[in-house]
C-alpha atoms as a PDB file:
ATOM      1  CA  MET A   1     121.121  52.259-116.662  1.00  0.00           C
ATOM      2  CA  ASP A   2     119.678  48.830-117.382  1.00  0.00           C
ATOM      3  CA  ILE A   3     122.675  47.434-119.285  1.00  0.00           C
ATOM      4  CA  GLN A   4     120.901  44.369-120.590  1.00  0.00           C
ATOM      5  CA  ASN A   5     118.257  46.487-122.335  1.00  0.00           C
ATOM      6  CA  CYS A   6     120.648  49.145-123.664  1.00  0.00           C
ATOM      7  CA  SER A   7     121.982  49.397-127.161  1.00  0.00           C
ATOM      8  CA  VAL A   8     125.727  49.258-127.731  1.00  0.00           C
ATOM      9  CA  ALA A   9     125.697  52.963-128.532  1.00  0.00           C
ATOM     10  CA  GLU A  10     124.033  53.729-125.200  1.00  0.00           C
ATOM     11  CA  ARG A  11     126.518  51.547-123.323  1.00  0.00           C
ATOM     12  CA  LEU A  12     129.369  53.458-124.967  1.00  0.00           C
ATOM     13  CA  GLY A  13     128.068  56.553-123.175  1.00  0.00           C
ATOM     14  CA  SER A  14     127.901  54.887-119.776  1.00  0.00           C
ATOM     15  CA  ALA A  15     129.607  56.513-116.793  1.00  0.00           C
ATOM     16  CA  ASP A  16     131.097  53.105-115.976  1.00  0.00           C
ATOM     17  CA  ALA A  17     134.415  52.559-117.771  1.00  0.00           C
ATOM     18  CA  GLU A  18     134.058  48.781-117.710  1.00  0.00           C
ATOM     19  CA  VAL A  19     130.655  49.032-119.376  1.00  0.00           C
ATOM     20  CA  ARG A  20     132.156  51.249-122.073  1.00  0.00           C
ATOM     21  CA  ARG A  21     135.103  48.888-122.567  1.00  0.00           C
ATOM     22  CA  LEU A  22     132.845  45.860-123.009  1.00  0.00           C
ATOM     23  CA  ALA A  23     130.612  47.849-125.341  1.00  0.00           C
ATOM     24  CA  VAL A  24     133.604  48.556-127.576  1.00  0.00           C
ATOM     25  CA  ILE A  25     134.456  44.857-127.621  1.00  0.00           C
ATOM     26  CA  ASP A  26     130.852  43.994-128.483  1.00  0.00           C
ATOM     27  CA  LEU A  27     130.797  46.245-131.528  1.00  0.00           C
ATOM     28  CA  PRO A  28     130.668  44.069-134.661  1.00  0.00           C
ATOM     29  CA  TYR A  29     133.206  44.637-137.412  1.00  0.00           C
ATOM     30  CA  GLY A  30     131.270  46.149-140.256  1.00  0.00           C
ATOM     31  CA  ASP A  31     130.574  49.153-142.452  1.00  0.00           C
ATOM     32  CA  GLU A  32     132.788  52.048-141.392  1.00  0.00           C
ATOM     33  CA  ASP A  33     129.840  54.405-141.751  1.00  0.00           C
ATOM     34  CA  ASP A  34     128.185  52.569-138.874  1.00  0.00           C
ATOM     35  CA  ILE A  35     131.114  51.542-136.680  1.00  0.00           C
ATOM     36  CA  VAL A  36     133.830  54.179-137.053  1.00  0.00           C
ATOM     37  CA  PRO A  37     131.696  57.101-135.771  1.00  0.00           C
ATOM     38  CA  LEU A  38     131.059  55.113-132.601  1.00  0.00           C
ATOM     39  CA  LEU A  39     134.708  54.195-132.087  1.00  0.00           C
ATOM     40  CA  LEU A  40     136.543  57.423-132.849  1.00  0.00           C
ATOM     41  CA  PRO A  41     135.186  59.312-129.802  1.00  0.00           C
ATOM     42  CA  ARG A  42     136.362  56.478-127.569  1.00  0.00           C
ATOM     43  CA  LEU A  43     139.966  57.203-128.575  1.00  0.00           C
ATOM     44  CA  ALA A  44     139.632  60.181-126.240  1.00  0.00           C
ATOM     45  CA  ASP A  45     138.012  58.173-123.452  1.00  0.00           C
ATOM     46  CA  PRO A  46     139.364  59.060-119.997  1.00  0.00           C
ATOM     47  CA  ASP A  47     139.917  55.375-119.277  1.00  0.00           C
ATOM     48  CA  ALA A  48     143.019  53.780-120.836  1.00  0.00           C
ATOM     49  CA  SER A  49     141.443  50.329-121.123  1.00  0.00           C
ATOM     50  CA  VAL A  50     138.600  51.769-123.192  1.00  0.00           C
ATOM     51  CA  ARG A  51     141.048  53.618-125.428  1.00  0.00           C
ATOM     52  CA  THR A  52     143.053  50.413-125.874  1.00  0.00           C
ATOM     53  CA  GLU A  53     140.009  48.434-126.991  1.00  0.00           C
ATOM     54  CA  ALA A  54     138.877  51.250-129.267  1.00  0.00           C
ATOM     55  CA  VAL A  55     142.271  51.256-130.978  1.00  0.00           C
ATOM     56  CA  ARG A  56     142.157  47.502-131.436  1.00  0.00           C
ATOM     57  CA  ALA A  57     138.613  47.635-132.785  1.00  0.00           C
ATOM     58  CA  LEU A  58     139.748  50.033-135.521  1.00  0.00           C
ATOM     59  CA  GLU A  59     142.155  47.512-137.034  1.00  0.00           C
ATOM     60  CA  GLY A  60     141.418  46.977-140.707  1.00  0.00           C
ATOM     61  CA  TYR A  61     139.862  50.387-141.309  1.00  0.00           C
ATOM     62  CA  GLU A  62     142.189  52.423-143.554  1.00  0.00           C
ATOM     63  CA  GLU A  63     140.008  55.448-144.154  1.00  0.00           C
ATOM     64  CA  PRO A  64     142.038  58.676-143.843  1.00  0.00           C
ATOM     65  CA  GLU A  65     140.087  59.853-140.811  1.00  0.00           C
ATOM     66  CA  VAL A  66     140.792  56.579-138.999  1.00  0.00           C
ATOM     67  CA  VAL A  67     144.536  56.548-139.676  1.00  0.00           C
ATOM     68  CA  SER A  68     144.750  60.242-138.804  1.00  0.00           C
ATOM     69  CA  ALA A  69     143.051  59.534-135.496  1.00  0.00           C
ATOM     70  CA  LEU A  70     145.132  56.458-134.710  1.00  0.00           C
ATOM     71  CA  ALA A  71     148.564  57.947-135.420  1.00  0.00           C
ATOM     72  CA  PRO A  72     148.490  60.364-132.440  1.00  0.00           C
ATOM     73  CA  MET A  73     147.648  57.423-130.178  1.00  0.00           C
ATOM     74  CA  LEU A  74     151.353  56.557-130.446  1.00  0.00           C
ATOM     75  CA  LEU A  75     151.804  59.468-128.007  1.00  0.00           C
ATOM     76  CA  ASP A  76     149.177  58.276-125.522  1.00  0.00           C
ATOM     77  CA  ALA A  77     150.140  58.464-121.857  1.00  0.00           C
ATOM     78  CA  ASP A  78     149.342  54.780-121.406  1.00  0.00           C
ATOM     79  CA  ALA A  79     151.832  52.143-122.599  1.00  0.00           C
ATOM     80  CA  ASP A  80     149.118  49.629-123.518  1.00  0.00           C
ATOM     81  CA  VAL A  81     147.382  52.167-125.723  1.00  0.00           C
ATOM     82  CA  ARG A  82     150.650  53.035-127.464  1.00  0.00           C
ATOM     83  CA  ALA A  83     151.435  49.360-128.033  1.00  0.00           C
ATOM     84  CA  ALA A  84     147.941  48.707-129.386  1.00  0.00           C
ATOM     85  CA  ALA A  85     148.232  51.682-131.739  1.00  0.00           C
ATOM     86  CA  GLY A  86     151.601  50.472-132.983  1.00  0.00           C
ATOM     87  CA  ALA A  87     150.238  46.983-133.606  1.00  0.00           C
ATOM     88  CA  VAL A  88     147.149  48.214-135.469  1.00  0.00           C
ATOM     89  CA  LEU A  89     149.082  50.730-137.561  1.00  0.00           C
ATOM     90  CA  SER A  90     151.613  48.079-138.528  1.00  0.00           C
ATOM     91  CA  GLU A  91     148.788  46.189-140.265  1.00  0.00           C
ATOM     92  CA  LEU A  92     148.138  49.029-142.720  1.00  0.00           C
ATOM     93  CA  LYS A  93     148.360  47.955-146.353  1.00  0.00           C
ATOM     94  CA  GLU A  94     147.687  51.068-148.435  1.00  0.00           C
ATOM     95  CA  SER A  95     150.555  53.448-149.195  1.00  0.00           C
ATOM     96  CA  ALA A  96     148.104  56.334-148.959  1.00  0.00           C
ATOM     97  CA  SER A  97     147.849  55.584-145.242  1.00  0.00           C
ATOM     98  CA  ALA A  98     151.461  56.627-144.662  1.00  0.00           C
ATOM     99  CA  ALA A  99     151.000  60.404-144.579  1.00  0.00           C
ATOM    100  CA  PRO A 100     149.688  60.683-140.985  1.00  0.00           C
ATOM    101  CA  LEU A 101     152.619  58.550-139.767  1.00  0.00           C
ATOM    102  CA  LEU A 102     155.433  60.601-141.281  1.00  0.00           C
ATOM    103  CA  PRO A 103     155.470  63.296-138.537  1.00  0.00           C
ATOM    104  CA  PHE A 104     156.135  60.594-135.940  1.00  0.00           C
ATOM    105  CA  LEU A 105     159.334  59.325-137.561  1.00  0.00           C
ATOM    106  CA  GLN A 106     161.376  62.152-136.066  1.00  0.00           C
ATOM    107  CA  GLY A 107     161.327  64.426-133.047  1.00  0.00           C
ATOM    108  CA  HIS A 108     159.668  61.990-130.645  1.00  0.00           C
ATOM    109  CA  SER A 109     160.750  59.399-128.093  1.00  0.00           C
ATOM    110  CA  SER A 110     162.585  56.265-129.187  1.00  0.00           C
ATOM    111  CA  GLU A 111     159.475  54.186-128.537  1.00  0.00           C
ATOM    112  CA  VAL A 112     157.275  56.381-130.724  1.00  0.00           C
ATOM    113  CA  ARG A 113     159.801  56.451-133.566  1.00  0.00           C
ATOM    114  CA  MET A 114     160.198  52.676-133.372  1.00  0.00           C
ATOM    115  CA  LEU A 115     156.443  52.146-133.590  1.00  0.00           C
ATOM    116  CA  ALA A 116     156.076  54.641-136.442  1.00  0.00           C
ATOM    117  CA  LEU A 117     158.958  53.142-138.429  1.00  0.00           C
ATOM    118  CA  ARG A 118     157.530  49.655-137.957  1.00  0.00           C
ATOM    119  CA  ALA A 119     154.089  50.816-139.063  1.00  0.00           C
ATOM    120  CA  ILE A 120     155.350  52.556-142.193  1.00  0.00           C
ATOM    121  CA  ARG A 121     157.753  49.794-143.248  1.00  0.00           C
ATOM    122  CA  ALA A 122     155.453  47.685-145.406  1.00  0.00           C
ATOM    123  CA  LEU A 123     153.852  50.767-146.981  1.00  0.00           C
ATOM    124  CA  ARG A 124     157.052  51.359-148.984  1.00  0.00           C
ATOM    125  CA  VAL A 125     156.687  55.117-149.335  1.00  0.00           C
ATOM    126  CA  PRO A 126     159.718  57.098-150.600  1.00  0.00           C
ATOM    127  CA  GLU A 127     159.004  59.803-148.023  1.00  0.00           C
ATOM    128  CA  ALA A 128     160.209  57.409-145.322  1.00  0.00           C
ATOM    129  CA  PHE A 129     163.669  57.108-146.892  1.00  0.00           C
ATOM    130  CA  ALA A 130     165.309  60.204-145.427  1.00  0.00           C
ATOM    131  CA  PRO A 131     163.995  59.710-141.860  1.00  0.00           C
ATOM    132  CA  ALA A 132     165.019  56.043-141.967  1.00  0.00           C
ATOM    133  CA  MET A 133     168.511  56.902-143.169  1.00  0.00           C
ATOM    134  CA  GLU A 134     168.846  59.393-140.333  1.00  0.00           C
ATOM    135  CA  ALA A 135     167.560  56.813-137.864  1.00  0.00           C
ATOM    136  CA  LEU A 136     170.431  54.465-138.776  1.00  0.00           C
ATOM    137  CA  LYS A 137     172.586  56.725-136.600  1.00  0.00           C
ATOM    138  CA  ASP A 138     170.185  56.708-133.649  1.00  0.00           C
ATOM    139  CA  GLY A 139     171.546  55.861-130.229  1.00  0.00           C
ATOM    140  CA  ASP A 140     168.715  53.391-129.620  1.00  0.00           C
ATOM    141  CA  ALA A 141     169.274  49.971-131.186  1.00  0.00           C
ATOM    142  CA  GLY A 142     165.535  49.397-131.489  1.00  0.00           C
ATOM    143  CA  VAL A 143     165.155  52.492-133.635  1.00  0.00           C
ATOM    144  CA  ARG A 144     168.071  51.403-135.817  1.00  0.00           C
ATOM    145  CA  ARG A 145     166.518  47.948-136.259  1.00  0.00           C
ATOM    146  CA  GLU A 146     163.238  49.428-137.451  1.00  0.00           C
ATOM    147  CA  ALA A 147     165.050  51.882-139.735  1.00  0.00           C
ATOM    148  CA  VAL A 148     166.906  49.020-141.384  1.00  0.00           C
ATOM    149  CA  GLY A 149     163.578  47.286-141.923  1.00  0.00           C
ATOM    150  CA  VAL A 150     162.136  50.351-143.644  1.00  0.00           C
ATOM    151  CA  LEU A 151     165.140  50.649-145.945  1.00  0.00           C
ATOM    152  CA  GLY A 152     165.079  46.948-146.705  1.00  0.00           C
ATOM    153  CA  TYR A 153     161.462  47.232-147.831  1.00  0.00           C
ATOM    154  CA  LEU A 154     162.151  50.339-149.911  1.00  0.00           C
ATOM    155  CA  ARG A 155     164.944  48.574-151.851  1.00  0.00           C
ATOM    156  CA  MET A 156     166.514  51.840-152.926  1.00  0.00           C
ATOM    157  CA  PRO A 157     170.075  51.591-154.296  1.00  0.00           C
ATOM    158  CA  GLU A 158     171.026  54.770-152.449  1.00  0.00           C
ATOM    159  CA  ALA A 159     170.744  52.908-149.137  1.00  0.00           C
ATOM    160  CA  ILE A 160     173.098  50.026-149.968  1.00  0.00           C
ATOM    161  CA  GLY A 161     176.291  51.685-148.770  1.00  0.00           C
ATOM    162  CA  ALA A 162     174.773  52.749-145.455  1.00  0.00           C
ATOM    163  CA  LEU A 163     173.177  49.342-144.864  1.00  0.00           C
ATOM    164  CA  ALA A 164     176.455  47.571-145.632  1.00  0.00           C
ATOM    165  CA  GLU A 165     178.212  49.799-143.102  1.00  0.00           C
ATOM    166  CA  VAL A 166     175.579  49.003-140.480  1.00  0.00           C
ATOM    167  CA  ALA A 167     175.841  45.290-141.285  1.00  0.00           C
ATOM    168  CA  ALA A 168     179.575  45.396-140.748  1.00  0.00           C
ATOM    169  CA  ARG A 169     179.933  47.730-137.800  1.00  0.00           C
ATOM    170  CA  ASP A 170     176.763  48.299-135.765  1.00  0.00           C
ATOM    171  CA  ALA A 171     177.251  47.589-132.073  1.00  0.00           C
ATOM    172  CA  ASP A 172     174.019  45.580-131.840  1.00  0.00           C
ATOM    173  CA  ALA A 173     174.086  42.033-133.202  1.00  0.00           C
ATOM    174  CA  ASP A 174     170.418  42.049-134.128  1.00  0.00           C
ATOM    175  CA  VAL A 175     170.837  45.275-136.088  1.00  0.00           C
ATOM    176  CA  ARG A 176     173.771  43.734-137.953  1.00  0.00           C
ATOM    177  CA  ARG A 177     171.741  40.612-138.702  1.00  0.00           C
ATOM    178  CA  ILE A 178     168.757  42.534-140.055  1.00  0.00           C
ATOM    179  CA  ALA A 179     171.040  44.803-142.112  1.00  0.00           C
ATOM    180  CA  ILE A 180     172.707  41.773-143.707  1.00  0.00           C
ATOM    181  CA  GLY A 181     169.308  40.455-144.681  1.00  0.00           C
ATOM    182  CA  ALA A 182     168.301  43.882-145.974  1.00  0.00           C
ATOM    183  CA  ILE A 183     171.216  44.166-148.384  1.00  0.00           C
ATOM    184  CA  GLY A 184     170.089  40.894-149.904  1.00  0.00           C
ATOM    185  CA  TYR A 185     168.067  42.898-152.409  1.00  0.00           C
ATOM    186  CA  SER A 186     171.282  44.134-154.031  1.00  0.00           C
ATOM    187  CA  SER A 187     173.377  42.132-156.456  1.00  0.00           C
ATOM    188  CA  GLU A 188     176.203  44.663-156.216  1.00  0.00           C
ATOM    189  CA  VAL A 189     179.598  43.148-155.511  1.00  0.00           C
ATOM    190  CA  SER A 190     180.137  46.122-153.206  1.00  0.00           C
ATOM    191  CA  VAL A 191     178.120  44.331-150.498  1.00  0.00           C
ATOM    192  CA  LEU A 192     180.536  41.382-150.497  1.00  0.00           C
ATOM    193  CA  PRO A 193     182.924  42.742-147.818  1.00  0.00           C
ATOM    194  CA  ALA A 194     180.042  43.319-145.401  1.00  0.00           C
ATOM    195  CA  LEU A 195     178.675  39.831-146.004  1.00  0.00           C
ATOM    196  CA  THR A 196     182.005  38.042-145.681  1.00  0.00           C
ATOM    197  CA  ARG A 197     182.677  40.029-142.520  1.00  0.00           C
ATOM    198  CA  GLY A 198     179.279  38.809-141.364  1.00  0.00           C
ATOM    199  CA  LEU A 199     180.455  35.202-141.780  1.00  0.00           C
ATOM    200  CA  ALA A 200     183.085  35.933-139.123  1.00  0.00           C
ATOM    201  CA  ASP A 201     180.776  37.867-136.804  1.00  0.00           C
ATOM    202  CA  THR A 202     180.824  37.110-133.081  1.00  0.00           C
ATOM    203  CA  SER A 203     177.086  36.329-133.215  1.00  0.00           C
ATOM    204  CA  TRP A 204     176.152  33.011-134.801  1.00  0.00           C
ATOM    205  CA  MET A 205     172.824  34.463-135.908  1.00  0.00           C
ATOM    206  CA  VAL A 206     174.636  37.134-137.912  1.00  0.00           C
ATOM    207  CA  ARG A 207     176.866  34.454-139.457  1.00  0.00           C
ATOM    208  CA  ASP A 208     173.770  32.415-140.282  1.00  0.00           C
ATOM    209  CA  GLU A 209     172.121  35.387-142.013  1.00  0.00           C
ATOM    210  CA  ALA A 210     175.315  36.184-143.921  1.00  0.00           C
ATOM    211  CA  ALA A 211     175.607  32.643-145.282  1.00  0.00           C
ATOM    212  CA  GLN A 212     171.976  32.642-146.333  1.00  0.00           C
ATOM    213  CA  THR A 213     172.257  36.039-148.043  1.00  0.00           C
ATOM    214  CA  LEU A 214     175.415  35.039-149.903  1.00  0.00           C
ATOM    215  CA  GLY A 215     173.602  32.013-151.303  1.00  0.00           C
ATOM    216  CA  LYS A 216     170.652  34.140-152.289  1.00  0.00           C
ATOM    217  CA  LEU A 217     172.893  36.618-154.119  1.00  0.00           C
ATOM    218  CA  ARG A 218     174.986  33.868-155.784  1.00  0.00           C
ATOM    219  CA  LEU A 219     178.211  35.767-155.057  1.00  0.00           C
ATOM    220  CA  GLY A 220     180.850  33.312-156.239  1.00  0.00           C
ATOM    221  CA  LEU A 221     183.692  35.378-154.789  1.00  0.00           C
ATOM    222  CA  ALA A 222     182.455  34.340-151.341  1.00  0.00           C
ATOM    223  CA  ILE A 223     183.020  30.606-151.938  1.00  0.00           C
ATOM    224  CA  PRO A 224     186.279  30.419-149.905  1.00  0.00           C
ATOM    225  CA  ASP A 225     184.577  32.167-146.973  1.00  0.00           C
ATOM    226  CA  LEU A 226     181.567  29.867-147.202  1.00  0.00           C
ATOM    227  CA  ILE A 227     183.830  26.821-147.225  1.00  0.00           C
ATOM    228  CA  ARG A 228     185.411  28.081-144.007  1.00  0.00           C
ATOM    229  CA  ALA A 229     181.899  28.550-142.608  1.00  0.00           C
ATOM    230  CA  MET A 230     181.394  24.792-143.029  1.00  0.00           C
ATOM    231  CA  GLN A 231     183.575  24.490-139.920  1.00  0.00           C
ATOM    232  CA  ASP A 232     181.454  26.878-137.854  1.00  0.00           C
ATOM    233  CA  ASP A 233     180.809  25.922-134.235  1.00  0.00           C
ATOM    234  CA  TYR A 234     177.060  26.284-134.847  1.00  0.00           C
ATOM    235  CA  TRP A 235     175.421  23.696-137.053  1.00  0.00           C
ATOM    236  CA  GLN A 236     172.806  26.230-138.142  1.00  0.00           C
ATOM    237  CA  VAL A 237     175.532  28.247-139.864  1.00  0.00           C
ATOM    238  CA  ARG A 238     176.918  25.109-141.526  1.00  0.00           C
ATOM    239  CA  VAL A 239     173.470  24.351-142.904  1.00  0.00           C
ATOM    240  CA  LYS A 240     173.152  27.786-144.518  1.00  0.00           C
ATOM    241  CA  ALA A 241     176.729  27.646-145.813  1.00  0.00           C
ATOM    242  CA  ALA A 242     176.115  24.242-147.407  1.00  0.00           C
ATOM    243  CA  ARG A 243     172.928  25.528-149.002  1.00  0.00           C
ATOM    244  CA  ALA A 244     174.769  28.539-150.407  1.00  0.00           C
ATOM    245  CA  LEU A 245     177.616  26.404-151.755  1.00  0.00           C
ATOM    246  CA  GLY A 246     175.118  24.178-153.512  1.00  0.00           C
ATOM    247  CA  LEU A 247     173.376  27.142-155.082  1.00  0.00           C
ATOM    248  CA  LEU A 248     176.767  28.399-156.229  1.00  0.00           C
ATOM    249  CA  LYS A 249     177.641  24.942-157.579  1.00  0.00           C
ATOM    250  CA  ALA A 250     180.959  25.346-155.808  1.00  0.00           C
ATOM    251  CA  VAL A 251     183.170  22.456-156.925  1.00  0.00           C
ATOM    252  CA  ALA A 252     185.856  23.710-154.543  1.00  0.00           C
ATOM    253  CA  ALA A 253     183.542  22.866-151.657  1.00  0.00           C
ATOM    254  CA  LEU A 254     183.422  19.136-152.428  1.00  0.00           C
ATOM    255  CA  PRO A 255     185.793  18.060-149.605  1.00  0.00           C
ATOM    256  CA  ALA A 256     183.924  20.110-146.992  1.00  0.00           C
ATOM    257  CA  LEU A 257     180.523  18.892-148.175  1.00  0.00           C
ATOM    258  CA  ILE A 258     181.607  15.262-148.400  1.00  0.00           C
ATOM    259  CA  ASP A 259     182.992  15.519-144.868  1.00  0.00           C
ATOM    260  CA  SER A 260     179.649  16.964-143.729  1.00  0.00           C
ATOM    261  CA  LEU A 261     177.817  13.827-144.873  1.00  0.00           C
ATOM    262  CA  THR A 262     179.003  12.243-141.626  1.00  0.00           C
ATOM    263  CA  HIS A 263     178.221  15.200-139.335  1.00  0.00           C
ATOM    264  CA  THR A 264     176.398  14.349-136.110  1.00  0.00           C
ATOM    265  CA  ILE A 265     173.530  16.720-136.929  1.00  0.00           C
ATOM    266  CA  GLY A 266     171.078  15.321-139.454  1.00  0.00           C
ATOM    267  CA  ASN A 267     170.218  18.724-140.930  1.00  0.00           C
ATOM    268  CA  VAL A 268     173.859  19.272-141.861  1.00  0.00           C
ATOM    269  CA  ARG A 269     174.013  15.876-143.580  1.00  0.00           C
ATOM    270  CA  LYS A 270     170.805  16.634-145.500  1.00  0.00           C
ATOM    271  CA  GLU A 271     172.050  19.987-146.777  1.00  0.00           C
ATOM    272  CA  ALA A 272     175.383  18.465-147.725  1.00  0.00           C
ATOM    273  CA  ALA A 273     173.605  15.812-149.797  1.00  0.00           C
ATOM    274  CA  ILE A 274     171.435  18.439-151.486  1.00  0.00           C
ATOM    275  CA  ALA A 275     174.460  20.596-152.271  1.00  0.00           C
ATOM    276  CA  LEU A 276     176.408  17.672-153.698  1.00  0.00           C
ATOM    277  CA  GLY A 277     173.491  16.896-155.976  1.00  0.00           C
ATOM    278  CA  GLU A 278     173.424  20.480-157.193  1.00  0.00           C
ATOM    279  CA  ILE A 279     177.151  20.488-157.848  1.00  0.00           C
ATOM    280  CA  ALA A 280     176.806  17.091-159.549  1.00  0.00           C
ATOM    281  CA  ASP A 281     180.478  16.172-159.438  1.00  0.00           C
ATOM    282  CA  PRO A 282     181.102  12.398-159.805  1.00  0.00           C
ATOM    283  CA  ARG A 283     183.826  12.540-157.170  1.00  0.00           C
ATOM    284  CA  ALA A 284     181.045  12.722-154.576  1.00  0.00           C
ATOM    285  CA  ILE A 285     179.550   9.365-155.632  1.00  0.00           C
ATOM    286  CA  PRO A 286     181.377   7.132-153.104  1.00  0.00           C
ATOM    287  CA  ALA A 287     180.437   9.347-150.161  1.00  0.00           C
ATOM    288  CA  LEU A 288     176.825   9.596-151.318  1.00  0.00           C
ATOM    289  CA  GLU A 289     176.614   5.829-151.784  1.00  0.00           C
ATOM    290  CA  ALA A 290     177.872   5.394-148.232  1.00  0.00           C
ATOM    291  CA  ALA A 291     175.189   7.858-147.058  1.00  0.00           C
ATOM    292  CA  LEU A 292     172.523   5.520-148.448  1.00  0.00           C
ATOM    293  CA  GLY A 293     173.004   3.635-145.199  1.00  0.00           C
ATOM    294  CA  ASP A 294     172.440   6.720-143.017  1.00  0.00           C
ATOM    295  CA  ALA A 295     170.170   6.303-139.998  1.00  0.00           C
ATOM    296  CA  ASP A 296     168.083   9.294-141.114  1.00  0.00           C
ATOM    297  CA  PRO A 297     165.617   8.390-143.892  1.00  0.00           C
ATOM    298  CA  ASP A 298     165.721  11.955-145.245  1.00  0.00           C
ATOM    299  CA  VAL A 299     169.488  11.763-145.636  1.00  0.00           C
ATOM    300  CA  ARG A 300     169.123   8.455-147.488  1.00  0.00           C
ATOM    301  CA  LYS A 301     166.439   9.915-149.770  1.00  0.00           C
ATOM    302  CA  LEU A 302     168.439  13.068-150.522  1.00  0.00           C
ATOM    303  CA  SER A 303     171.567  11.054-151.179  1.00  0.00           C
ATOM    304  CA  ARG A 304     169.676   8.947-153.734  1.00  0.00           C
ATOM    305  CA  LEU A 305     168.411  12.102-155.401  1.00  0.00           C
ATOM    306  CA  ALA A 306     171.935  13.519-155.468  1.00  0.00           C
ATOM    307  CA  LEU A 307     173.267  10.371-157.088  1.00  0.00           C
ATOM    308  CA  THR A 308     170.535  10.568-159.708  1.00  0.00           C
ATOM    309  CA  ALA A 309     171.426  14.201-160.394  1.00  0.00           C
ATOM    310  CA  ILE A 310     175.082  13.268-160.884  1.00  0.00           C
ATOM    311  CA  THR A 311     174.133  10.460-163.274  1.00  0.00           C
ATOM    312  CA  LEU A 312     171.937  12.774-165.330  1.00  0.00           C
ATOM    313  CA  ALA A 313     174.635  15.462-165.430  1.00  0.00           C
ATOM    314  CA  GLN A 314     177.074  12.946-166.927  1.00  0.00           C
ATOM    315  CA  LYS A 315     174.790  12.070-169.852  1.00  0.00           C
END
C-alpha cells in the first residue's frame, strides 16, 4: 500500500498497526456522520495503541451509539485503553449519556468502578445515588473517594448523614477530606460534629478543608474550634480558619487574629487583616495601624482597607 497516496479511510484498513494508529490521529474532528463510523470499528482493533487513539479521538461526541461503545472500553484488557476511556467518559456533559455507564458502577473491579463513578459524577443523575452510597463502604479507598464525589455533585439530603460519617471516620485521609468538602452543600447543624472533628484531624489537609467548609457554611457554633485552629502547626490551616472567622464576624476571635498580624507567614497576616476588617471592631485599630509598617505591601494594603472598614462601621 502506497501510504502517501491513500485516503485516511484506506489507511485505517492497513495491516500495519502503526499505519492504522497514525490514521486515527490524522482524522479531523468533525461531523459525527463522517468521523464516528470510521472510529467505532477501531475500538475493536487488535492493537491496543490503535484502540487507545480511537477512544481519545471520540472525545466530545455524546451520541448514544458513541457512549454505548465507549463504556465497555473500561473493561479493555489494556490499561492504557481503560485509562483513555475513563478520561474521555469523564468529559461527558449530558445527563442522557449516563445510562450506558450505570452497569459499570457495581459488579466490576475497583479500577472499573472508580472510572465509572468518576465519569458519571458531573452528570448528576439520581440513578447513581444508590450505587454511590453502597460504594462508600467499599474496601478500596479510591472507590470511596469517587463515590463521595458523586454524592457531593448530587447534593441529595439523604446522603448527608453517610457523608458526615465518612468525613469523621474513614481510614483514608483523602476520603475524609473530600467528604468534608462534599457536606459543604448542607446548612444542617447536624454536620457540625463531623466538621469540628475535621479541625482536629491528624491530616493537615483535612483540617484545612474543615476550616474552609465551616466558613462557607457560616456555622457560628464552630467559632471556638476555629479560634483553636488559629494555633495550628500548619499555616495553611490558620489561613482558612482566619478566613472563616472573618466571614462569621467572630468578635471572640479578635485576640487570635490580632496576634496573627505578626505571624512569620505573610499569607496568615493578610487573612488576619481581612478578617479584622470584616469584623470591624475598633479594638483592632492599634494592631492594624502597626501593620501599616509591615514588610509585605499586600499586608499594608489590607490593613489600610481594614481600618477604613472599621471607620465606616462606626459611622
